N, C-alpha and C. Protein backbone atom coordinates (compact mmCIF):
# COMPACT_ATOMS: atom_id res chain seq x y z
N MET A 1 116.00 95.95 105.68
CA MET A 1 115.47 94.83 104.94
C MET A 1 116.63 93.94 104.50
N SER A 2 116.41 92.63 104.55
CA SER A 2 117.42 91.66 104.15
C SER A 2 117.01 90.95 102.88
N THR A 3 117.98 90.45 102.17
CA THR A 3 117.74 89.67 100.97
C THR A 3 118.38 88.32 101.15
N VAL A 4 117.62 87.26 100.85
CA VAL A 4 118.13 85.91 100.91
C VAL A 4 118.23 85.40 99.48
N ILE A 5 119.43 84.98 99.08
CA ILE A 5 119.64 84.45 97.74
C ILE A 5 120.16 83.03 97.90
N LEU A 6 119.44 82.07 97.32
CA LEU A 6 119.85 80.68 97.45
C LEU A 6 119.28 79.85 96.32
N ASP A 7 119.79 78.63 96.17
CA ASP A 7 119.31 77.73 95.14
C ASP A 7 118.40 76.64 95.70
N THR A 8 118.60 76.26 96.96
CA THR A 8 117.86 75.15 97.54
C THR A 8 117.46 75.47 98.97
N ILE A 9 116.20 75.13 99.30
CA ILE A 9 115.74 75.20 100.68
C ILE A 9 115.50 73.76 101.12
N THR A 10 116.09 73.37 102.22
CA THR A 10 115.93 72.01 102.74
C THR A 10 115.43 72.10 104.17
N GLY A 11 114.38 71.32 104.47
CA GLY A 11 113.87 71.28 105.84
C GLY A 11 114.93 70.73 106.78
N LYS A 12 114.93 71.18 108.03
CA LYS A 12 115.94 70.76 109.00
C LYS A 12 115.70 69.33 109.49
N SER A 13 114.47 69.01 109.91
CA SER A 13 114.23 67.66 110.43
C SER A 13 113.76 66.71 109.35
N THR A 14 113.04 67.21 108.36
CA THR A 14 112.62 66.41 107.22
C THR A 14 112.99 67.20 105.97
N ALA A 15 113.83 66.64 105.15
CA ALA A 15 114.38 67.36 104.00
C ALA A 15 113.32 67.90 103.06
N THR A 16 112.15 67.29 103.02
CA THR A 16 111.14 67.71 102.07
C THR A 16 110.04 68.58 102.66
N THR A 17 110.18 68.98 103.93
CA THR A 17 109.14 69.77 104.59
C THR A 17 109.71 71.07 105.14
N ILE A 18 109.02 72.16 104.88
CA ILE A 18 109.39 73.46 105.43
C ILE A 18 108.40 73.79 106.52
N THR A 19 108.92 74.18 107.69
CA THR A 19 108.08 74.47 108.85
C THR A 19 108.30 75.91 109.28
N ILE A 20 107.20 76.59 109.60
CA ILE A 20 107.28 77.93 110.18
C ILE A 20 106.76 77.79 111.60
N GLY A 21 107.60 78.13 112.57
CA GLY A 21 107.25 77.87 113.97
C GLY A 21 107.16 76.37 114.16
N SER A 22 106.02 75.87 114.58
CA SER A 22 105.84 74.43 114.72
C SER A 22 104.86 73.88 113.68
N THR A 23 104.52 74.70 112.68
CA THR A 23 103.53 74.29 111.68
C THR A 23 104.20 73.98 110.34
N PRO A 24 104.10 72.71 109.88
CA PRO A 24 104.60 72.40 108.53
C PRO A 24 103.71 73.11 107.50
N VAL A 25 104.31 73.93 106.65
CA VAL A 25 103.52 74.70 105.70
C VAL A 25 103.65 74.22 104.26
N VAL A 26 104.77 73.60 103.90
CA VAL A 26 104.96 73.12 102.53
C VAL A 26 105.70 71.80 102.58
N SER A 27 105.23 70.83 101.79
CA SER A 27 105.93 69.57 101.61
C SER A 27 106.14 69.35 100.13
N ALA A 28 107.24 68.72 99.79
CA ALA A 28 107.53 68.46 98.38
C ALA A 28 108.01 67.04 98.19
N SER A 29 107.64 66.47 97.07
CA SER A 29 108.17 65.19 96.61
C SER A 29 108.24 65.27 95.10
N ALA A 30 108.64 64.20 94.45
CA ALA A 30 108.80 64.23 93.00
C ALA A 30 107.52 64.70 92.31
N ASN A 31 107.63 65.78 91.56
CA ASN A 31 106.53 66.35 90.79
C ASN A 31 105.30 66.72 91.61
N SER A 32 105.47 66.98 92.90
CA SER A 32 104.33 67.33 93.73
C SER A 32 104.75 68.27 94.84
N MET A 33 103.91 69.25 95.10
CA MET A 33 104.14 70.14 96.22
C MET A 33 102.79 70.39 96.88
N THR A 34 102.75 70.25 98.19
CA THR A 34 101.51 70.50 98.92
C THR A 34 101.72 71.67 99.87
N SER A 35 100.63 72.32 100.17
CA SER A 35 100.64 73.44 101.10
C SER A 35 99.57 73.18 102.15
N ARG A 36 99.85 73.62 103.37
CA ARG A 36 98.89 73.43 104.43
C ARG A 36 97.68 74.32 104.17
N GLY A 37 96.52 73.71 104.19
CA GLY A 37 95.28 74.46 103.98
C GLY A 37 94.63 74.75 105.31
N GLU A 38 93.33 74.66 105.36
CA GLU A 38 92.57 74.91 106.57
C GLU A 38 92.79 73.77 107.56
N GLY A 39 92.97 74.09 108.82
CA GLY A 39 93.21 73.06 109.84
C GLY A 39 94.48 72.31 109.51
N SER A 40 94.39 70.99 109.51
CA SER A 40 95.57 70.18 109.19
C SER A 40 95.52 69.65 107.77
N ALA A 41 94.52 70.05 106.99
CA ALA A 41 94.37 69.56 105.61
C ALA A 41 95.51 70.06 104.74
N GLN A 42 95.96 69.21 103.84
CA GLN A 42 96.99 69.57 102.87
C GLN A 42 96.32 69.70 101.50
N THR A 43 96.79 70.64 100.69
CA THR A 43 96.26 70.79 99.35
C THR A 43 97.40 70.76 98.35
N SER A 44 97.19 70.06 97.25
CA SER A 44 98.20 69.96 96.20
C SER A 44 98.23 71.25 95.41
N ILE A 45 99.39 71.85 95.33
CA ILE A 45 99.51 73.10 94.59
C ILE A 45 99.26 72.85 93.10
N GLN A 46 99.84 71.78 92.54
CA GLN A 46 99.66 71.50 91.12
C GLN A 46 98.20 71.21 90.78
N GLN A 47 97.50 70.44 91.61
CA GLN A 47 96.11 70.10 91.32
C GLN A 47 95.20 71.32 91.42
N GLY A 48 95.56 72.28 92.23
CA GLY A 48 94.69 73.43 92.45
C GLY A 48 94.88 74.58 91.48
N LEU A 49 95.85 74.48 90.60
CA LEU A 49 96.12 75.57 89.67
C LEU A 49 95.33 75.42 88.38
N ALA A 50 94.90 76.52 87.82
CA ALA A 50 94.29 76.50 86.49
C ALA A 50 95.40 76.20 85.49
N LYS A 51 95.16 75.28 84.58
CA LYS A 51 96.18 74.90 83.59
C LYS A 51 96.09 75.73 82.32
N ALA A 52 94.92 76.32 82.08
CA ALA A 52 94.73 77.20 80.93
C ALA A 52 93.45 77.99 81.16
N TRP A 53 93.39 79.18 80.57
CA TRP A 53 92.15 79.96 80.61
C TRP A 53 92.10 80.88 79.40
N ALA A 54 90.87 81.23 79.05
CA ALA A 54 90.66 82.12 77.91
C ALA A 54 89.52 83.07 78.21
N ASN A 55 89.66 84.30 77.80
CA ASN A 55 88.58 85.27 77.80
C ASN A 55 88.46 85.74 76.36
N PHE A 56 87.28 85.59 75.77
CA PHE A 56 87.12 85.95 74.36
C PHE A 56 85.76 86.57 74.11
N HIS A 57 85.65 87.18 72.93
CA HIS A 57 84.37 87.72 72.49
C HIS A 57 84.05 87.13 71.12
N GLY A 58 82.76 86.98 70.86
CA GLY A 58 82.33 86.45 69.58
C GLY A 58 81.60 87.46 68.73
N VAL A 59 81.23 88.57 69.31
CA VAL A 59 80.50 89.61 68.59
C VAL A 59 81.50 90.43 67.78
N GLY A 60 81.22 90.62 66.51
CA GLY A 60 82.12 91.39 65.65
C GLY A 60 83.34 90.60 65.23
N GLY A 61 83.28 89.29 65.32
CA GLY A 61 84.40 88.41 64.97
C GLY A 61 85.01 87.81 66.23
N THR A 62 85.10 86.50 66.28
CA THR A 62 85.62 85.82 67.46
C THR A 62 87.10 86.11 67.63
N ALA A 63 87.49 86.52 68.83
CA ALA A 63 88.90 86.82 69.10
C ALA A 63 89.17 86.70 70.59
N LEU A 64 90.40 86.28 70.91
CA LEU A 64 90.84 86.23 72.30
C LEU A 64 91.07 87.64 72.80
N ASP A 65 90.58 87.93 74.00
CA ASP A 65 90.86 89.21 74.64
C ASP A 65 92.06 89.06 75.57
N ASP A 66 92.18 87.89 76.20
CA ASP A 66 93.32 87.58 77.07
C ASP A 66 93.31 86.07 77.28
N SER A 67 94.47 85.49 77.61
CA SER A 67 94.51 84.04 77.77
C SER A 67 95.81 83.61 78.45
N PHE A 68 95.82 82.34 78.87
CA PHE A 68 97.00 81.69 79.41
C PHE A 68 97.03 80.27 78.86
N ASN A 69 98.15 79.85 78.30
CA ASN A 69 98.36 78.52 77.74
C ASN A 69 97.37 78.21 76.60
N ILE A 70 97.03 79.21 75.83
CA ILE A 70 96.13 79.05 74.69
C ILE A 70 96.89 79.40 73.41
N THR A 71 96.75 78.55 72.37
CA THR A 71 97.40 78.86 71.09
C THR A 71 96.46 79.51 70.10
N SER A 72 95.16 79.10 70.13
CA SER A 72 94.25 79.66 69.14
C SER A 72 92.80 79.50 69.56
N ILE A 73 91.97 80.25 68.86
CA ILE A 73 90.52 80.14 69.01
C ILE A 73 89.94 80.12 67.60
N ALA A 74 88.97 79.24 67.39
CA ALA A 74 88.37 79.12 66.05
C ALA A 74 86.87 79.36 66.13
N ASP A 75 86.37 80.14 65.19
CA ASP A 75 84.94 80.42 65.07
C ASP A 75 84.36 79.38 64.13
N ASN A 76 83.57 78.45 64.66
CA ASN A 76 82.98 77.38 63.86
C ASN A 76 81.61 77.76 63.32
N GLY A 77 81.15 78.96 63.60
CA GLY A 77 79.82 79.40 63.21
C GLY A 77 79.18 80.12 64.38
N THR A 78 78.00 80.60 64.21
CA THR A 78 77.32 81.35 65.26
C THR A 78 77.17 80.51 66.53
N GLY A 79 77.70 81.02 67.63
CA GLY A 79 77.58 80.35 68.92
C GLY A 79 78.37 79.06 69.04
N ASP A 80 79.41 78.89 68.27
CA ASP A 80 80.18 77.64 68.24
C ASP A 80 81.66 77.99 68.11
N THR A 81 82.45 77.69 69.16
CA THR A 81 83.84 78.10 69.22
C THR A 81 84.71 76.94 69.69
N THR A 82 85.89 76.80 69.11
CA THR A 82 86.87 75.81 69.59
C THR A 82 88.10 76.56 70.09
N ILE A 83 88.53 76.20 71.31
CA ILE A 83 89.73 76.78 71.91
C ILE A 83 90.79 75.68 71.96
N THR A 84 92.02 76.01 71.56
CA THR A 84 93.13 75.06 71.56
C THR A 84 94.19 75.51 72.55
N VAL A 85 94.59 74.58 73.45
CA VAL A 85 95.62 74.89 74.44
C VAL A 85 97.01 74.66 73.85
N ALA A 86 98.01 75.36 74.38
CA ALA A 86 99.38 75.19 73.92
C ALA A 86 99.98 73.90 74.46
N ASN A 87 99.80 73.63 75.76
CA ASN A 87 100.30 72.41 76.39
C ASN A 87 99.09 71.56 76.78
N ASP A 88 98.93 70.42 76.09
CA ASP A 88 97.76 69.56 76.31
C ASP A 88 97.64 69.10 77.75
N LEU A 89 96.41 68.76 78.11
CA LEU A 89 96.16 68.10 79.38
C LEU A 89 96.43 66.61 79.21
N ALA A 90 96.58 65.89 80.31
CA ALA A 90 96.99 64.49 80.26
C ALA A 90 95.93 63.59 79.64
N SER A 91 94.67 63.98 79.71
CA SER A 91 93.58 63.17 79.17
C SER A 91 92.37 64.06 78.94
N VAL A 92 91.26 63.45 78.55
CA VAL A 92 90.02 64.20 78.38
C VAL A 92 89.27 64.35 79.69
N HIS A 93 89.82 63.83 80.77
CA HIS A 93 89.13 63.85 82.06
C HIS A 93 89.51 65.08 82.88
N TRP A 94 89.45 66.24 82.27
CA TRP A 94 89.70 67.50 82.96
C TRP A 94 88.38 68.15 83.32
N SER A 95 88.47 69.12 84.18
CA SER A 95 87.28 69.84 84.61
C SER A 95 87.38 71.27 84.11
N TYR A 96 86.26 71.95 84.10
CA TYR A 96 86.27 73.33 83.61
C TYR A 96 85.24 74.19 84.33
N ALA A 97 85.44 75.46 84.19
CA ALA A 97 84.46 76.45 84.63
C ALA A 97 84.29 77.43 83.48
N ALA A 98 83.06 77.87 83.28
CA ALA A 98 82.78 78.81 82.19
C ALA A 98 81.78 79.85 82.66
N CYS A 99 81.89 81.02 82.09
CA CYS A 99 80.91 82.06 82.41
C CYS A 99 80.75 82.97 81.20
N VAL A 100 79.63 83.66 81.17
CA VAL A 100 79.34 84.60 80.09
C VAL A 100 78.70 85.85 80.68
N GLU A 101 78.73 86.91 79.90
CA GLU A 101 77.97 88.10 80.28
C GLU A 101 76.51 87.70 80.23
N GLU A 102 75.81 87.84 81.34
CA GLU A 102 74.47 87.25 81.49
C GLU A 102 73.37 87.99 80.75
N ASN A 103 73.41 89.29 80.76
CA ASN A 103 72.23 90.00 80.31
C ASN A 103 72.62 91.26 79.57
N ASP A 104 71.95 91.50 78.49
CA ASP A 104 72.20 92.73 77.73
C ASP A 104 71.13 93.79 78.00
N GLY A 105 70.36 93.58 79.07
CA GLY A 105 69.29 94.52 79.41
C GLY A 105 67.96 94.16 78.77
N ALA A 106 67.97 93.16 77.90
CA ALA A 106 66.74 92.76 77.21
C ALA A 106 66.09 91.56 77.88
N GLY A 107 66.64 91.10 79.00
CA GLY A 107 66.05 89.98 79.72
C GLY A 107 66.41 88.62 79.17
N SER A 108 67.40 88.55 78.28
CA SER A 108 67.75 87.27 77.68
C SER A 108 68.94 86.65 78.40
N GLY A 109 68.69 85.61 79.19
CA GLY A 109 69.77 84.89 79.85
C GLY A 109 70.62 84.17 78.83
N ARG A 110 71.89 84.00 79.14
CA ARG A 110 72.81 83.37 78.21
C ARG A 110 73.57 82.27 78.89
N GLY A 111 74.09 81.32 78.11
CA GLY A 111 74.85 80.23 78.68
C GLY A 111 75.90 79.71 77.73
N VAL A 112 76.89 79.02 78.32
CA VAL A 112 77.95 78.39 77.53
C VAL A 112 78.15 76.98 78.08
N ALA A 113 78.42 76.04 77.21
CA ALA A 113 78.62 74.65 77.61
C ALA A 113 79.55 73.98 76.62
N LEU A 114 80.10 72.83 77.02
CA LEU A 114 80.88 72.02 76.09
C LEU A 114 79.93 71.36 75.10
N GLU A 115 80.29 71.38 73.85
CA GLU A 115 79.54 70.66 72.83
C GLU A 115 79.65 69.17 73.13
N THR A 116 78.61 68.40 72.87
CA THR A 116 78.66 66.96 73.06
C THR A 116 79.84 66.40 72.27
N GLY A 117 80.74 65.70 72.96
CA GLY A 117 81.95 65.18 72.31
C GLY A 117 83.00 66.25 72.07
N GLY A 118 82.82 67.43 72.65
CA GLY A 118 83.72 68.55 72.39
C GLY A 118 84.92 68.64 73.30
N LYS A 119 85.19 67.58 74.05
CA LYS A 119 86.31 67.58 74.99
C LYS A 119 87.45 66.72 74.45
N ALA A 120 88.65 67.30 74.37
CA ALA A 120 89.85 66.56 73.98
C ALA A 120 90.98 67.00 74.89
N ALA A 121 92.11 66.32 74.83
CA ALA A 121 93.25 66.68 75.69
C ALA A 121 93.78 68.08 75.38
N GLY A 122 93.59 68.53 74.14
CA GLY A 122 94.14 69.82 73.75
C GLY A 122 93.13 70.84 73.25
N THR A 123 91.85 70.48 73.24
CA THR A 123 90.84 71.42 72.75
C THR A 123 89.54 71.32 73.53
N ALA A 124 88.78 72.39 73.46
CA ALA A 124 87.42 72.42 74.00
C ALA A 124 86.54 73.10 72.96
N ARG A 125 85.46 72.42 72.58
CA ARG A 125 84.50 73.02 71.66
C ARG A 125 83.30 73.47 72.46
N LEU A 126 83.05 74.77 72.43
CA LEU A 126 82.00 75.38 73.23
C LEU A 126 80.83 75.81 72.36
N ILE A 127 79.64 75.68 72.94
CA ILE A 127 78.46 76.26 72.31
C ILE A 127 77.93 77.33 73.27
N HIS A 128 77.45 78.42 72.71
CA HIS A 128 76.88 79.47 73.54
C HIS A 128 75.54 79.85 72.95
N LYS A 129 74.59 80.04 73.89
CA LYS A 129 73.21 80.27 73.47
C LYS A 129 72.57 81.43 74.21
N ASP A 130 71.56 81.96 73.58
CA ASP A 130 70.64 82.88 74.21
C ASP A 130 69.62 82.00 74.91
N GLY A 131 69.56 82.05 76.23
CA GLY A 131 68.73 81.13 76.99
C GLY A 131 67.24 81.29 76.79
N ASP A 132 66.77 82.51 76.62
CA ASP A 132 65.33 82.73 76.46
C ASP A 132 64.82 82.14 75.15
N ALA A 133 65.56 82.35 74.08
CA ALA A 133 65.12 81.87 72.77
C ALA A 133 65.70 80.50 72.45
N ASN A 134 66.67 80.02 73.26
CA ASN A 134 67.36 78.75 73.05
C ASN A 134 67.96 78.68 71.64
N THR A 135 68.58 79.78 71.23
CA THR A 135 69.22 79.84 69.92
C THR A 135 70.71 80.10 70.10
N PHE A 136 71.50 79.57 69.17
CA PHE A 136 72.94 79.84 69.20
C PHE A 136 73.17 81.32 69.00
N ARG A 137 74.16 81.84 69.74
CA ARG A 137 74.41 83.28 69.67
C ARG A 137 75.86 83.56 69.99
N ASP A 138 76.48 84.45 69.22
CA ASP A 138 77.82 84.93 69.56
C ASP A 138 77.67 85.90 70.72
N LEU A 139 78.52 85.73 71.72
CA LEU A 139 78.39 86.52 72.94
C LEU A 139 79.54 87.51 73.07
N PRO A 140 79.30 88.63 73.77
CA PRO A 140 80.32 89.67 73.86
C PRO A 140 81.44 89.37 74.86
N ASP A 141 81.23 88.44 75.80
CA ASP A 141 82.25 88.21 76.82
C ASP A 141 82.10 86.80 77.39
N VAL A 142 83.05 85.90 77.07
CA VAL A 142 83.01 84.51 77.53
C VAL A 142 84.33 84.21 78.24
N GLY A 143 84.23 83.54 79.39
CA GLY A 143 85.41 83.09 80.12
C GLY A 143 85.39 81.58 80.25
N PHE A 144 86.54 80.93 80.07
CA PHE A 144 86.64 79.47 80.14
C PHE A 144 87.96 79.11 80.82
N VAL A 145 87.92 78.20 81.80
CA VAL A 145 89.10 77.81 82.57
C VAL A 145 89.23 76.29 82.60
N TRP A 146 90.44 75.76 82.36
CA TRP A 146 90.73 74.33 82.44
C TRP A 146 91.39 74.00 83.78
N PHE A 147 90.98 72.89 84.40
CA PHE A 147 91.64 72.34 85.58
C PHE A 147 91.92 70.86 85.31
N GLY A 148 93.08 70.37 85.68
CA GLY A 148 93.43 68.97 85.49
C GLY A 148 94.93 68.83 85.44
N ASP A 149 95.39 67.66 85.04
CA ASP A 149 96.82 67.39 84.95
C ASP A 149 97.32 67.69 83.55
N LEU A 150 98.47 68.35 83.46
CA LEU A 150 99.09 68.56 82.16
C LEU A 150 99.75 67.26 81.69
N ALA A 151 99.85 67.14 80.36
CA ALA A 151 100.46 65.94 79.78
C ALA A 151 101.94 65.90 80.10
């Protein structure tokens, strides 16, 4: 086995492109790196990464179970939580994915959503409900992920 130790990789024919065989696999420019995806499509590595995520529980007291780029979580009341990121996103125009433990065996579907007006560059205010009764409810397992540009 060999070890390669270096500070800079530079493409031979194009300084910003790395090629394996005859296939360009990575291109870089200022603050951007792309990788070859399916076929000839390129995908931005920065755009495709989650910028923050949180896994938390609200039952027995709201608390983070695990997280990335999160500074705090606040319990605003039953079924109402605010998550604060450590490094803000560039604007309020970020996207998210959320999930909850669906069923406790009693047939009650559950859901989580952003509170109306609950989106900011550095926070997300979530509401979580018991779907069958349409009532706010603290849930045992909630996951939330941010996608977008960091500030």
